[in-house]
Amino acid sequence: MFSDLTTAKLEQRPSIQLGKQTFQDMVLVSPNRIMLTVPEQSKVILVNTESGQVLSDIVFKEKPKFLCMISENLAATTFMTKTIQFIQVNQNKLKADSTTNVDVKVCGIASYSNNLVVSYHPPGVRIITKDGRTIRNLDNTTTGREVFKNPRWITTTTDGSIYVTDWGTDAITRLDSSLTILQTFSGDMLKGPHGIISLNKDQLIVCSWENSSVVLIRPSTSSMTVLLDKQRGIKEPRYVCFCKEQKKLYVAPNADTILVYKLSNLN
């Protein structure tokens, strides 16, 4: 298990400036590469985290929104439409791969075993195959109550858990492989939850947009700890990713800048 981040010291490093590249989501591809969606320019870009250089891009007919890595050389993006686009990642080159069509407007997306888990509108969450076949579905109709309003970002953990952020309910919902609700995290510390990542099965990092903070969640104890906030220069964070090899945390507080933090003093 990765070290406990509640003991970490976060030292800010030079930020990554992307100029007019206004992005929507980001994922870590490798220790020195991050992939981002740029909806206003209808493209996905690959960026070197050391130089800030755009290494490759792909232009689509629609506006890509959310991203996930499926394997070392394969990613997927969604357009808030009924299409999922797969992307090949070959060293420093991106290439459009196949597409999959579904019958709902897909929002967030994450890899899950050999399948995908997606959030969608009208609000719900599904586990689907890569060719779009539904395996499991959870929505407000199947639960008989309003579980979701605006489900968006998704992350998964090695124990099979699925975590979904919802800025409509100001909550994060934990699901199992049957899409049974296991836990719900909410409260003043999670106002406007956006991007979420898992470090391991018991450490999650989420951006609280309305609180201008980055929060660590420990599911085993239901505890939440603020890692970064306004006092550390964070304002309205949207997306986050983490590099375990370099012990670097990347936080996007606005649409064209990525803040970089080096972690030390880990127990």
C-alpha atoms as a PDB file:
ATOM      1  CA  MET A   1       0.000   0.000   0.000  1.00  0.00           C
ATOM      2  CA  PHE A   2       1.159   3.511  -0.768  1.00  0.00           C
ATOM      3  CA  SER A   3       2.248   5.674   2.170  1.00  0.00           C
ATOM      4  CA  ASP A   4      -0.277   7.662   4.189  1.00  0.00           C
ATOM      5  CA  LEU A   5      -0.709  11.054   2.534  1.00  0.00           C
ATOM      6  CA  THR A   6      -1.978  12.680   5.728  1.00  0.00           C
ATOM      7  CA  THR A   7       1.658  12.798   6.899  1.00  0.00           C
ATOM      8  CA  ALA A   8       3.041  14.183   3.651  1.00  0.00           C
ATOM      9  CA  LYS A   9       4.709  17.526   3.117  1.00  0.00           C
ATOM     10  CA  LEU A  10       3.664  19.111  -0.184  1.00  0.00           C
ATOM     11  CA  GLU A  11       6.221  21.370  -1.827  1.00  0.00           C
ATOM     12  CA  GLN A  12       4.975  23.409  -4.758  1.00  0.00           C
ATOM     13  CA  ARG A  13       7.001  23.126  -7.945  1.00  0.00           C
ATOM     14  CA  PRO A  14       6.806  25.212 -11.154  1.00  0.00           C
ATOM     15  CA  SER A  15       3.342  24.973 -12.668  1.00  0.00           C
ATOM     16  CA  ILE A  16       2.539  23.787 -16.179  1.00  0.00           C
ATOM     17  CA  GLN A  17       1.148  26.642 -18.288  1.00  0.00           C
ATOM     18  CA  LEU A  18      -0.918  25.645 -21.293  1.00  0.00           C
ATOM     19  CA  GLY A  19      -1.713  29.090 -22.660  1.00  0.00           C
ATOM     20  CA  LYS A  20      -4.926  29.008 -24.672  1.00  0.00           C
ATOM     21  CA  GLN A  21      -5.355  25.253 -24.220  1.00  0.00           C
ATOM     22  CA  THR A  22      -8.535  25.404 -22.120  1.00  0.00           C
ATOM     23  CA  PHE A  23      -9.056  21.855 -20.885  1.00  0.00           C
ATOM     24  CA  GLN A  24     -11.844  19.831 -19.261  1.00  0.00           C
ATOM     25  CA  ASP A  25     -10.214  16.685 -17.824  1.00  0.00           C
ATOM     26  CA  MET A  26      -6.773  15.115 -17.407  1.00  0.00           C
ATOM     27  CA  VAL A  27      -5.218  11.710 -16.768  1.00  0.00           C
ATOM     28  CA  LEU A  28      -1.661  10.588 -16.109  1.00  0.00           C
ATOM     29  CA  VAL A  29      -0.279   8.505 -18.982  1.00  0.00           C
ATOM     30  CA  SER A  30       3.252   7.962 -17.636  1.00  0.00           C
ATOM     31  CA  PRO A  31       5.587   9.729 -15.161  1.00  0.00           C
ATOM     32  CA  ASN A  32       6.300  12.474 -17.703  1.00  0.00           C
ATOM     33  CA  ARG A  33       3.092  12.625 -19.740  1.00  0.00           C
ATOM     34  CA  ILE A  34      -0.438  13.858 -19.088  1.00  0.00           C
ATOM     35  CA  MET A  35      -3.376  13.637 -21.486  1.00  0.00           C
ATOM     36  CA  LEU A  36      -6.049  16.349 -21.503  1.00  0.00           C
ATOM     37  CA  THR A  37      -9.313  17.096 -23.270  1.00  0.00           C
ATOM     38  CA  VAL A  38      -9.669  20.554 -24.876  1.00  0.00           C
ATOM     39  CA  PRO A  39     -13.393  20.862 -25.721  1.00  0.00           C
ATOM     40  CA  GLU A  40     -13.243  24.376 -27.193  1.00  0.00           C
ATOM     41  CA  GLN A  41     -10.810  23.119 -29.814  1.00  0.00           C
ATOM     42  CA  SER A  42     -12.462  19.674 -30.123  1.00  0.00           C
ATOM     43  CA  LYS A  43      -9.230  17.873 -29.357  1.00  0.00           C
ATOM     44  CA  VAL A  44      -7.276  15.690 -26.966  1.00  0.00           C
ATOM     45  CA  ILE A  45      -3.652  16.608 -26.280  1.00  0.00           C
ATOM     46  CA  LEU A  46      -0.624  14.831 -24.823  1.00  0.00           C
ATOM     47  CA  VAL A  47       1.624  17.076 -22.706  1.00  0.00           C
ATOM     48  CA  ASN A  48       5.144  16.629 -21.348  1.00  0.00           C
ATOM     49  CA  THR A  49       4.958  17.401 -17.623  1.00  0.00           C
ATOM     50  CA  GLU A  50       8.568  18.612 -17.439  1.00  0.00           C
ATOM     51  CA  SER A  51       8.548  21.070 -20.352  1.00  0.00           C
ATOM     52  CA  GLY A  52       4.832  21.755 -20.782  1.00  0.00           C
ATOM     53  CA  GLN A  53       5.250  20.946 -24.484  1.00  0.00           C
ATOM     54  CA  VAL A  54       2.300  19.536 -26.394  1.00  0.00           C
ATOM     55  CA  LEU A  55       3.680  16.306 -27.833  1.00  0.00           C
ATOM     56  CA  SER A  56       0.653  15.226 -29.868  1.00  0.00           C
ATOM     57  CA  ASP A  57      -3.001  16.033 -30.429  1.00  0.00           C
ATOM     58  CA  ILE A  58      -6.089  14.652 -32.126  1.00  0.00           C
ATOM     59  CA  VAL A  59      -8.932  16.792 -33.472  1.00  0.00           C
ATOM     60  CA  PHE A  60     -12.448  15.342 -33.398  1.00  0.00           C
ATOM     61  CA  LYS A  61     -15.751  16.441 -34.917  1.00  0.00           C
ATOM     62  CA  GLU A  62     -17.277  16.631 -31.430  1.00  0.00           C
ATOM     63  CA  LYS A  63     -15.998  18.120 -28.166  1.00  0.00           C
ATOM     64  CA  PRO A  64     -14.206  15.576 -25.939  1.00  0.00           C
ATOM     65  CA  LYS A  65     -14.950  15.981 -22.239  1.00  0.00           C
ATOM     66  CA  PHE A  66     -13.904  13.113 -19.941  1.00  0.00           C
ATOM     67  CA  LEU A  67     -10.902  10.762 -20.102  1.00  0.00           C
ATOM     68  CA  CYS A  68      -9.559   7.510 -18.722  1.00  0.00           C
ATOM     69  CA  MET A  69      -6.613   5.216 -19.282  1.00  0.00           C
ATOM     70  CA  ILE A  70      -7.558   1.622 -20.072  1.00  0.00           C
ATOM     71  CA  SER A  71      -4.047   0.255 -20.458  1.00  0.00           C
ATOM     72  CA  GLU A  72      -0.551   1.629 -20.986  1.00  0.00           C
ATOM     73  CA  ASN A  73      -1.270   2.187 -24.677  1.00  0.00           C
ATOM     74  CA  LEU A  74      -5.026   2.702 -24.783  1.00  0.00           C
ATOM     75  CA  ALA A  75      -7.254   5.526 -23.516  1.00  0.00           C
ATOM     76  CA  ALA A  76     -10.905   6.495 -23.950  1.00  0.00           C
ATOM     77  CA  THR A  77     -12.742   9.802 -24.088  1.00  0.00           C
ATOM     78  CA  THR A  78     -16.412  10.778 -23.994  1.00  0.00           C
ATOM     79  CA  PHE A  79     -18.266  13.674 -25.618  1.00  0.00           C
ATOM     80  CA  MET A  80     -21.427  13.926 -23.450  1.00  0.00           C
ATOM     81  CA  THR A  81     -23.057  12.095 -26.377  1.00  0.00           C
ATOM     82  CA  LYS A  82     -23.824   8.417 -26.998  1.00  0.00           C
ATOM     83  CA  THR A  83     -20.307   7.732 -28.321  1.00  0.00           C
ATOM     84  CA  ILE A  84     -17.104   6.548 -26.630  1.00  0.00           C
ATOM     85  CA  GLN A  85     -13.869   7.144 -28.547  1.00  0.00           C
ATOM     86  CA  PHE A  86     -10.814   4.952 -27.971  1.00  0.00           C
ATOM     87  CA  ILE A  87      -7.341   6.475 -28.396  1.00  0.00           C
ATOM     88  CA  GLN A  88      -4.038   4.716 -29.041  1.00  0.00           C
ATOM     89  CA  VAL A  89      -1.061   6.067 -27.082  1.00  0.00           C
ATOM     90  CA  ASN A  90       2.209   5.085 -28.737  1.00  0.00           C
ATOM     91  CA  GLN A  91       5.152   6.764 -27.010  1.00  0.00           C
ATOM     92  CA  ASN A  92       4.607  10.469 -27.794  1.00  0.00           C
ATOM     93  CA  LYS A  93       1.920   9.997 -30.423  1.00  0.00           C
ATOM     94  CA  LEU A  94      -1.859   9.878 -30.106  1.00  0.00           C
ATOM     95  CA  LYS A  95      -4.008   8.161 -32.711  1.00  0.00           C
ATOM     96  CA  ALA A  96      -7.790   7.798 -32.910  1.00  0.00           C
ATOM     97  CA  ASP A  97      -8.902   4.184 -32.610  1.00  0.00           C
ATOM     98  CA  SER A  98     -12.390   2.638 -32.789  1.00  0.00           C
ATOM     99  CA  THR A  99     -15.612   4.012 -31.311  1.00  0.00           C
ATOM    100  CA  THR A 100     -18.407   2.413 -29.307  1.00  0.00           C
ATOM    101  CA  ASN A 101     -22.012   3.553 -29.299  1.00  0.00           C
ATOM    102  CA  VAL A 102     -24.345   3.345 -26.298  1.00  0.00           C
ATOM    103  CA  ASP A 103     -27.959   4.419 -25.733  1.00  0.00           C
ATOM    104  CA  VAL A 104     -27.277   7.135 -23.126  1.00  0.00           C
ATOM    105  CA  LYS A 105     -25.254  10.356 -23.034  1.00  0.00           C
ATOM    106  CA  VAL A 106     -21.981   9.313 -21.416  1.00  0.00           C
ATOM    107  CA  CYS A 107     -20.178  11.621 -18.975  1.00  0.00           C
ATOM    108  CA  GLY A 108     -17.419  10.201 -16.761  1.00  0.00           C
ATOM    109  CA  ILE A 109     -15.560   7.027 -17.655  1.00  0.00           C
ATOM    110  CA  ALA A 110     -13.119   4.626 -15.988  1.00  0.00           C
ATOM    111  CA  SER A 111     -11.555   1.266 -16.733  1.00  0.00           C
ATOM    112  CA  TYR A 112     -12.995  -1.583 -14.652  1.00  0.00           C
ATOM    113  CA  SER A 113     -11.442  -5.052 -14.938  1.00  0.00           C
ATOM    114  CA  ASN A 114     -11.854  -5.827 -18.647  1.00  0.00           C
ATOM    115  CA  ASN A 115     -14.844  -3.512 -18.948  1.00  0.00           C
ATOM    116  CA  LEU A 116     -15.745   0.162 -18.518  1.00  0.00           C
ATOM    117  CA  VAL A 117     -17.807   1.992 -15.926  1.00  0.00           C
ATOM    118  CA  VAL A 118     -19.534   5.188 -17.019  1.00  0.00           C
ATOM    119  CA  SER A 119     -21.738   7.895 -15.560  1.00  0.00           C
ATOM    120  CA  TYR A 120     -24.447   9.210 -17.807  1.00  0.00           C
ATOM    121  CA  HIS A 121     -27.487  11.437 -18.286  1.00  0.00           C
ATOM    122  CA  PRO A 122     -30.332  11.048 -17.349  1.00  0.00           C
ATOM    123  CA  PRO A 123     -28.404  10.436 -14.124  1.00  0.00           C
ATOM    124  CA  GLY A 124     -27.064   6.944 -13.615  1.00  0.00           C
ATOM    125  CA  VAL A 125     -24.025   4.664 -13.623  1.00  0.00           C
ATOM    126  CA  ARG A 126     -23.373   1.600 -15.777  1.00  0.00           C
ATOM    127  CA  ILE A 127     -20.804  -1.116 -16.174  1.00  0.00           C
ATOM    128  CA  ILE A 128     -20.484  -1.825 -19.885  1.00  0.00           C
ATOM    129  CA  THR A 129     -18.329  -3.906 -22.186  1.00  0.00           C
ATOM    130  CA  LYS A 130     -15.930  -2.143 -24.540  1.00  0.00           C
ATOM    131  CA  ASP A 131     -18.416  -2.705 -27.368  1.00  0.00           C
ATOM    132  CA  GLY A 132     -21.160  -0.922 -25.414  1.00  0.00           C
ATOM    133  CA  ARG A 133     -23.202  -3.810 -24.014  1.00  0.00           C
ATOM    134  CA  THR A 134     -24.701  -3.083 -20.577  1.00  0.00           C
ATOM    135  CA  ILE A 135     -23.660  -5.476 -17.794  1.00  0.00           C
ATOM    136  CA  ARG A 136     -25.026  -3.613 -14.758  1.00  0.00           C
ATOM    137  CA  ASN A 137     -27.073  -0.419 -14.416  1.00  0.00           C
ATOM    138  CA  LEU A 138     -27.923   1.842 -11.476  1.00  0.00           C
ATOM    139  CA  ASP A 139     -30.160   4.898 -11.692  1.00  0.00           C
ATOM    140  CA  ASN A 140     -32.846   6.655  -9.685  1.00  0.00           C
ATOM    141  CA  THR A 141     -35.502   4.361 -11.168  1.00  0.00           C
ATOM    142  CA  THR A 142     -33.791   1.133 -10.119  1.00  0.00           C
ATOM    143  CA  THR A 143     -33.100   2.435  -6.593  1.00  0.00           C
ATOM    144  CA  GLY A 144     -36.536   3.990  -6.107  1.00  0.00           C
ATOM    145  CA  ARG A 145     -34.921   7.147  -4.728  1.00  0.00           C
ATOM    146  CA  GLU A 146     -32.768  10.016  -5.924  1.00  0.00           C
ATOM    147  CA  VAL A 147     -29.223   8.704  -5.633  1.00  0.00           C
ATOM    148  CA  PHE A 148     -27.776  10.795  -8.475  1.00  0.00           C
ATOM    149  CA  LYS A 149     -28.352  14.273  -9.890  1.00  0.00           C
ATOM    150  CA  ASN A 150     -25.174  15.053 -11.843  1.00  0.00           C
ATOM    151  CA  PRO A 151     -22.800  12.057 -11.636  1.00  0.00           C
ATOM    152  CA  ARG A 152     -19.527  12.849 -13.332  1.00  0.00           C
ATOM    153  CA  TRP A 153     -15.977  11.685 -12.492  1.00  0.00           C
ATOM    154  CA  ILE A 154     -15.287   8.056 -11.648  1.00  0.00           C
ATOM    155  CA  THR A 155     -12.376   6.154 -10.165  1.00  0.00           C
ATOM    156  CA  THR A 156     -11.965   2.492  -9.277  1.00  0.00           C
ATOM    157  CA  THR A 157      -9.822   0.608  -6.758  1.00  0.00           C
ATOM    158  CA  THR A 158      -8.123  -2.776  -6.586  1.00  0.00           C
ATOM    159  CA  ASP A 159     -10.772  -4.191  -4.241  1.00  0.00           C
ATOM    160  CA  GLY A 160     -13.418  -3.722  -6.940  1.00  0.00           C
ATOM    161  CA  SER A 161     -14.930  -0.529  -5.550  1.00  0.00           C
ATOM    162  CA  ILE A 162     -16.265   2.205  -7.834  1.00  0.00           C
ATOM    163  CA  TYR A 163     -16.399   5.837  -6.663  1.00  0.00           C
ATOM    164  CA  VAL A 164     -18.588   8.406  -8.421  1.00  0.00           C
ATOM    165  CA  THR A 165     -18.597  12.153  -7.774  1.00  0.00           C
ATOM    166  CA  ASP A 166     -21.880  14.038  -8.064  1.00  0.00           C
ATOM    167  CA  TRP A 167     -21.892  17.827  -7.897  1.00  0.00           C
ATOM    168  CA  GLY A 168     -25.697  17.847  -7.832  1.00  0.00           C
ATOM    169  CA  THR A 169     -25.812  16.035  -4.498  1.00  0.00           C
ATOM    170  CA  ASP A 170     -22.380  17.194  -3.225  1.00  0.00           C
ATOM    171  CA  ALA A 171     -21.536  13.553  -2.591  1.00  0.00           C
ATOM    172  CA  ILE A 172     -19.287  10.683  -3.563  1.00  0.00           C
ATOM    173  CA  THR A 173     -20.935   7.270  -3.849  1.00  0.00           C
ATOM    174  CA  ARG A 174     -19.034   4.018  -3.396  1.00  0.00           C
ATOM    175  CA  LEU A 175     -20.373   1.016  -5.340  1.00  0.00           C
ATOM    176  CA  ASP A 176     -19.343  -2.610  -5.678  1.00  0.00           C
ATOM    177  CA  SER A 177     -19.185  -4.743  -8.842  1.00  0.00           C
ATOM    178  CA  SER A 178     -22.971  -5.302  -8.679  1.00  0.00           C
ATOM    179  CA  LEU A 179     -23.479  -1.513  -8.388  1.00  0.00           C
ATOM    180  CA  THR A 180     -24.753  -1.961  -4.848  1.00  0.00           C
ATOM    181  CA  ILE A 181     -24.239   1.193  -2.784  1.00  0.00           C
ATOM    182  CA  LEU A 182     -21.636   0.563  -0.078  1.00  0.00           C
ATOM    183  CA  GLN A 183     -20.893   4.045   1.250  1.00  0.00           C
ATOM    184  CA  THR A 184     -21.723   7.682   0.674  1.00  0.00           C
ATOM    185  CA  PHE A 185     -19.351  10.523   1.485  1.00  0.00           C
ATOM    186  CA  SER A 186     -20.776  14.019   1.851  1.00  0.00           C
ATOM    187  CA  GLY A 187     -20.665  17.093   4.086  1.00  0.00           C
ATOM    188  CA  ASP A 188     -19.186  20.566   4.113  1.00  0.00           C
ATOM    189  CA  MET A 189     -15.746  19.320   3.015  1.00  0.00           C
ATOM    190  CA  LEU A 190     -17.080  17.943  -0.277  1.00  0.00           C
ATOM    191  CA  LYS A 191     -18.965  20.872  -1.784  1.00  0.00           C
ATOM    192  CA  GLY A 192     -18.908  20.689  -5.575  1.00  0.00           C
ATOM    193  CA  PRO A 193     -16.883  17.458  -5.947  1.00  0.00           C
ATOM    194  CA  HIS A 194     -15.118  17.228  -9.305  1.00  0.00           C
ATOM    195  CA  GLY A 195     -12.134  15.099 -10.335  1.00  0.00           C
ATOM    196  CA  ILE A 196     -11.306  12.051  -8.228  1.00  0.00           C
ATOM    197  CA  ILE A 197      -8.445   9.515  -8.266  1.00  0.00           C
ATOM    198  CA  SER A 198      -7.508   6.483  -6.184  1.00  0.00           C
ATOM    199  CA  LEU A 199      -4.014   5.873  -4.833  1.00  0.00           C
ATOM    200  CA  ASN A 200      -5.041   2.504  -3.432  1.00  0.00           C
ATOM    201  CA  LYS A 201      -8.165   0.915  -1.972  1.00  0.00           C
ATOM    202  CA  ASP A 202      -8.069   3.157   1.113  1.00  0.00           C
ATOM    203  CA  GLN A 203      -6.831   6.518  -0.183  1.00  0.00           C
ATOM    204  CA  LEU A 204      -8.781   8.712  -2.582  1.00  0.00           C
ATOM    205  CA  ILE A 205      -8.067  12.271  -3.633  1.00  0.00           C
ATOM    206  CA  VAL A 206     -10.932  14.511  -4.762  1.00  0.00           C
ATOM    207  CA  CYS A 207     -11.244  18.145  -5.799  1.00  0.00           C
ATOM    208  CA  SER A 208     -13.825  20.136  -3.814  1.00  0.00           C
ATOM    209  CA  TRP A 209     -14.509  22.918  -6.299  1.00  0.00           C
ATOM    210  CA  GLU A 210     -16.769  25.080  -4.121  1.00  0.00           C
ATOM    211  CA  ASN A 211     -14.429  24.841  -1.111  1.00  0.00           C
ATOM    212  CA  SER A 212     -11.283  25.511  -3.166  1.00  0.00           C
ATOM    213  CA  SER A 213      -9.633  22.474  -1.607  1.00  0.00           C
ATOM    214  CA  VAL A 214      -8.160  19.074  -2.381  1.00  0.00           C
ATOM    215  CA  VAL A 215      -9.343  16.379   0.024  1.00  0.00           C
ATOM    216  CA  LEU A 216      -7.994  12.953   0.997  1.00  0.00           C
ATOM    217  CA  ILE A 217     -10.667  10.342   1.785  1.00  0.00           C
ATOM    218  CA  ARG A 218     -10.025   7.134   3.773  1.00  0.00           C
ATOM    219  CA  PRO A 219     -12.973   4.764   3.135  1.00  0.00           C
ATOM    220  CA  SER A 220     -12.000   2.359   5.942  1.00  0.00           C
ATOM    221  CA  THR A 221     -12.605   5.065   8.555  1.00  0.00           C
ATOM    222  CA  SER A 222     -14.847   7.414   6.525  1.00  0.00           C
ATOM    223  CA  SER A 223     -12.346  10.149   7.377  1.00  0.00           C
ATOM    224  CA  MET A 224     -11.571  13.210   5.248  1.00  0.00           C
ATOM    225  CA  THR A 225      -8.435  15.378   5.414  1.00  0.00           C
ATOM    226  CA  VAL A 226      -7.763  18.622   3.555  1.00  0.00           C
ATOM    227  CA  LEU A 227      -4.435  18.357   1.720  1.00  0.00           C
ATOM    228  CA  LEU A 228      -4.536  21.715  -0.083  1.00  0.00           C
ATOM    229  CA  ASP A 229      -6.748  24.786   0.209  1.00  0.00           C
ATOM    230  CA  LYS A 230      -6.876  28.542  -0.420  1.00  0.00           C
ATOM    231  CA  GLN A 231      -3.998  29.132   2.003  1.00  0.00           C
ATOM    232  CA  ARG A 232      -1.841  26.976  -0.280  1.00  0.00           C
ATOM    233  CA  GLY A 233      -2.888  28.818  -3.432  1.00  0.00           C
ATOM    234  CA  ILE A 234      -5.709  26.497  -4.489  1.00  0.00           C
ATOM    235  CA  LYS A 235      -8.759  28.127  -6.039  1.00  0.00           C
ATOM    236  CA  GLU A 236     -11.676  26.143  -7.427  1.00  0.00           C
ATOM    237  CA  PRO A 237      -9.757  22.938  -8.318  1.00  0.00           C
ATOM    238  CA  ARG A 238     -11.345  20.804 -10.984  1.00  0.00           C
ATOM    239  CA  TYR A 239      -9.073  17.887 -11.902  1.00  0.00           C
ATOM    240  CA  VAL A 240      -6.299  15.931 -10.227  1.00  0.00           C
ATOM    241  CA  CYS A 241      -3.836  13.158 -10.975  1.00  0.00           C
ATOM    242  CA  PHE A 242      -0.911  11.611  -9.128  1.00  0.00           C
ATOM    243  CA  CYS A 243       2.394  10.050 -10.143  1.00  0.00           C
ATOM    244  CA  LYS A 244       3.510   7.429  -7.643  1.00  0.00           C
ATOM    245  CA  GLU A 245       6.949   7.005  -9.231  1.00  0.00           C
ATOM    246  CA  GLN A 246       7.841  10.679  -8.891  1.00  0.00           C
ATOM    247  CA  LYS A 247       5.593  11.344  -5.866  1.00  0.00           C
ATOM    248  CA  LYS A 248       4.026  14.309  -7.648  1.00  0.00           C
ATOM    249  CA  LEU A 249       0.480  15.587  -7.326  1.00  0.00           C
ATOM    250  CA  TYR A 250      -1.007  17.518 -10.267  1.00  0.00           C
ATOM    251  CA  VAL A 251      -3.965  19.816  -9.589  1.00  0.00           C
ATOM    252  CA  ALA A 252      -5.834  21.930 -12.133  1.00  0.00           C
ATOM    253  CA  PRO A 253      -7.322  25.003 -10.382  1.00  0.00           C
ATOM    254  CA  ASN A 254      -8.444  26.658 -13.601  1.00  0.00           C
ATOM    255  CA  ALA A 255      -8.755  25.949 -17.280  1.00  0.00           C
ATOM    256  CA  ASP A 256      -5.193  26.543 -18.497  1.00  0.00           C
ATOM    257  CA  THR A 257      -2.839  25.842 -15.580  1.00  0.00           C
ATOM    258  CA  ILE A 258      -1.710  22.683 -13.778  1.00  0.00           C
ATOM    259  CA  LEU A 259      -0.181  23.106 -10.328  1.00  0.00           C
ATOM    260  CA  VAL A 260       2.546  20.629  -9.376  1.00  0.00           C
ATOM    261  CA  TYR A 261       3.365  19.463  -5.840  1.00  0.00           C
ATOM    262  CA  LYS A 262       6.227  17.215  -4.764  1.00  0.00           C
ATOM    263  CA  LEU A 263       5.425  14.984  -1.792  1.00  0.00           C
ATOM    264  CA  SER A 264       7.897  14.132   0.949  1.00  0.00           C
ATOM    265  CA  ASN A 265       7.915  13.010   4.615  1.00  0.00           C
ATOM    266  CA  LEU A 266       5.728  10.050   3.774  1.00  0.00           C
ATOM    267  CA  ASN A 267       5.306   7.417   6.497  1.00  0.00           C
END
